[in-house]
Amino acid sequence: MTDLHGDALVADAHNDLLMLVARRPKEIWVEYFRDRWIPQLRAGGIDVQVLPVFSPIS
């Protein structure tokens, strides 16, 4: 299974990740995502992170 994971393109659609970032002060969003989440995603072998966003049409 490890070889399959290493050879595959792995996408994660962890749809509450953006909300975890948004709970922090806006000024640190970039640093928080970079320092907290990118290392974990890389360690987990994630190649693509999908962050769905909903915006109501007004």
C-alpha atoms as a PDB file:
ATOM      1  CA  MET A   1       0.000   0.000   0.000  1.00  0.00           C
ATOM      2  CA  THR A   2       2.890   2.406   0.701  1.00  0.00           C
ATOM      3  CA  ASP A   3       4.121   2.104  -2.898  1.00  0.00           C
ATOM      4  CA  LEU A   4       0.632   2.847  -4.211  1.00  0.00           C
ATOM      5  CA  HIS A   5       0.358   5.944  -2.032  1.00  0.00           C
ATOM      6  CA  GLY A   6       3.807   7.144  -3.036  1.00  0.00           C
ATOM      7  CA  ASP A   7       3.124   6.650  -6.743  1.00  0.00           C
ATOM      8  CA  ALA A   8      -0.358   8.195  -6.723  1.00  0.00           C
ATOM      9  CA  LEU A   9      -1.452  11.803  -6.904  1.00  0.00           C
ATOM     10  CA  VAL A  10      -3.188  12.233  -3.546  1.00  0.00           C
ATOM     11  CA  ALA A  11      -5.858  14.923  -3.161  1.00  0.00           C
ATOM     12  CA  ASP A  12      -7.500  15.841   0.131  1.00  0.00           C
ATOM     13  CA  ALA A  13     -10.840  17.651   0.308  1.00  0.00           C
ATOM     14  CA  HIS A  14     -10.729  18.288   4.055  1.00  0.00           C
ATOM     15  CA  ASN A  15     -13.625  20.685   3.938  1.00  0.00           C
ATOM     16  CA  ASP A  16     -13.288  22.208   7.419  1.00  0.00           C
ATOM     17  CA  LEU A  17      -9.621  23.134   7.061  1.00  0.00           C
ATOM     18  CA  LEU A  18     -10.440  26.591   5.726  1.00  0.00           C
ATOM     19  CA  MET A  19     -12.720  27.215   8.724  1.00  0.00           C
ATOM     20  CA  LEU A  20      -9.876  26.311  11.098  1.00  0.00           C
ATOM     21  CA  VAL A  21      -7.690  28.913   9.399  1.00  0.00           C
ATOM     22  CA  ALA A  22     -10.490  31.513   9.389  1.00  0.00           C
ATOM     23  CA  ARG A  23     -10.863  31.209  13.174  1.00  0.00           C
ATOM     24  CA  ARG A  24      -7.468  32.844  13.548  1.00  0.00           C
ATOM     25  CA  PRO A  25      -6.871  36.592  13.188  1.00  0.00           C
ATOM     26  CA  LYS A  26      -6.831  37.512   9.493  1.00  0.00           C
ATOM     27  CA  GLU A  27      -3.292  38.890   9.770  1.00  0.00           C
ATOM     28  CA  ILE A  28      -1.864  35.417  10.488  1.00  0.00           C
ATOM     29  CA  TRP A  29      -3.889  33.281   8.050  1.00  0.00           C
ATOM     30  CA  VAL A  30      -0.979  32.770   5.645  1.00  0.00           C
ATOM     31  CA  GLU A  31       1.548  31.981   8.369  1.00  0.00           C
ATOM     32  CA  TYR A  32      -0.882  29.694  10.208  1.00  0.00           C
ATOM     33  CA  PHE A  33      -1.652  27.662   7.085  1.00  0.00           C
ATOM     34  CA  ARG A  34       2.015  27.577   6.060  1.00  0.00           C
ATOM     35  CA  ASP A  35       3.429  26.705   9.484  1.00  0.00           C
ATOM     36  CA  ARG A  36       0.644  24.519  10.903  1.00  0.00           C
ATOM     37  CA  TRP A  37      -1.009  22.724   7.987  1.00  0.00           C
ATOM     38  CA  ILE A  38       1.429  22.470   5.097  1.00  0.00           C
ATOM     39  CA  PRO A  39       3.929  20.354   7.108  1.00  0.00           C
ATOM     40  CA  GLN A  40       1.129  17.981   8.148  1.00  0.00           C
ATOM     41  CA  LEU A  41      -0.227  17.708   4.611  1.00  0.00           C
ATOM     42  CA  ARG A  42       3.232  16.988   3.234  1.00  0.00           C
ATOM     43  CA  ALA A  43       3.927  14.425   5.957  1.00  0.00           C
ATOM     44  CA  GLY A  44       0.672  12.700   5.016  1.00  0.00           C
ATOM     45  CA  GLY A  45       1.664  12.542   1.355  1.00  0.00           C
ATOM     46  CA  ILE A  46      -0.981  15.020   0.205  1.00  0.00           C
ATOM     47  CA  ASP A  47      -0.202  16.515  -3.222  1.00  0.00           C
ATOM     48  CA  VAL A  48      -3.364  18.594  -3.739  1.00  0.00           C
ATOM     49  CA  GLN A  49      -5.481  20.327  -1.090  1.00  0.00           C
ATOM     50  CA  VAL A  50      -9.041  21.199  -2.119  1.00  0.00           C
ATOM     51  CA  LEU A  51     -10.636  23.968  -0.059  1.00  0.00           C
ATOM     52  CA  PRO A  52     -14.275  24.369  -1.100  1.00  0.00           C
ATOM     53  CA  VAL A  53     -15.754  27.826  -0.645  1.00  0.00           C
ATOM     54  CA  PHE A  54     -19.437  28.745  -0.678  1.00  0.00           C
ATOM     55  CA  SER A  55     -20.580  32.203  -1.594  1.00  0.00           C
ATOM     56  CA  PRO A  56     -24.284  32.933  -1.788  1.00  0.00           C
ATOM     57  CA  ILE A  57     -25.525  34.652  -4.927  1.00  0.00           C
ATOM     58  CA  SER A  58     -27.233  37.885  -4.021  1.00  0.00           C
END
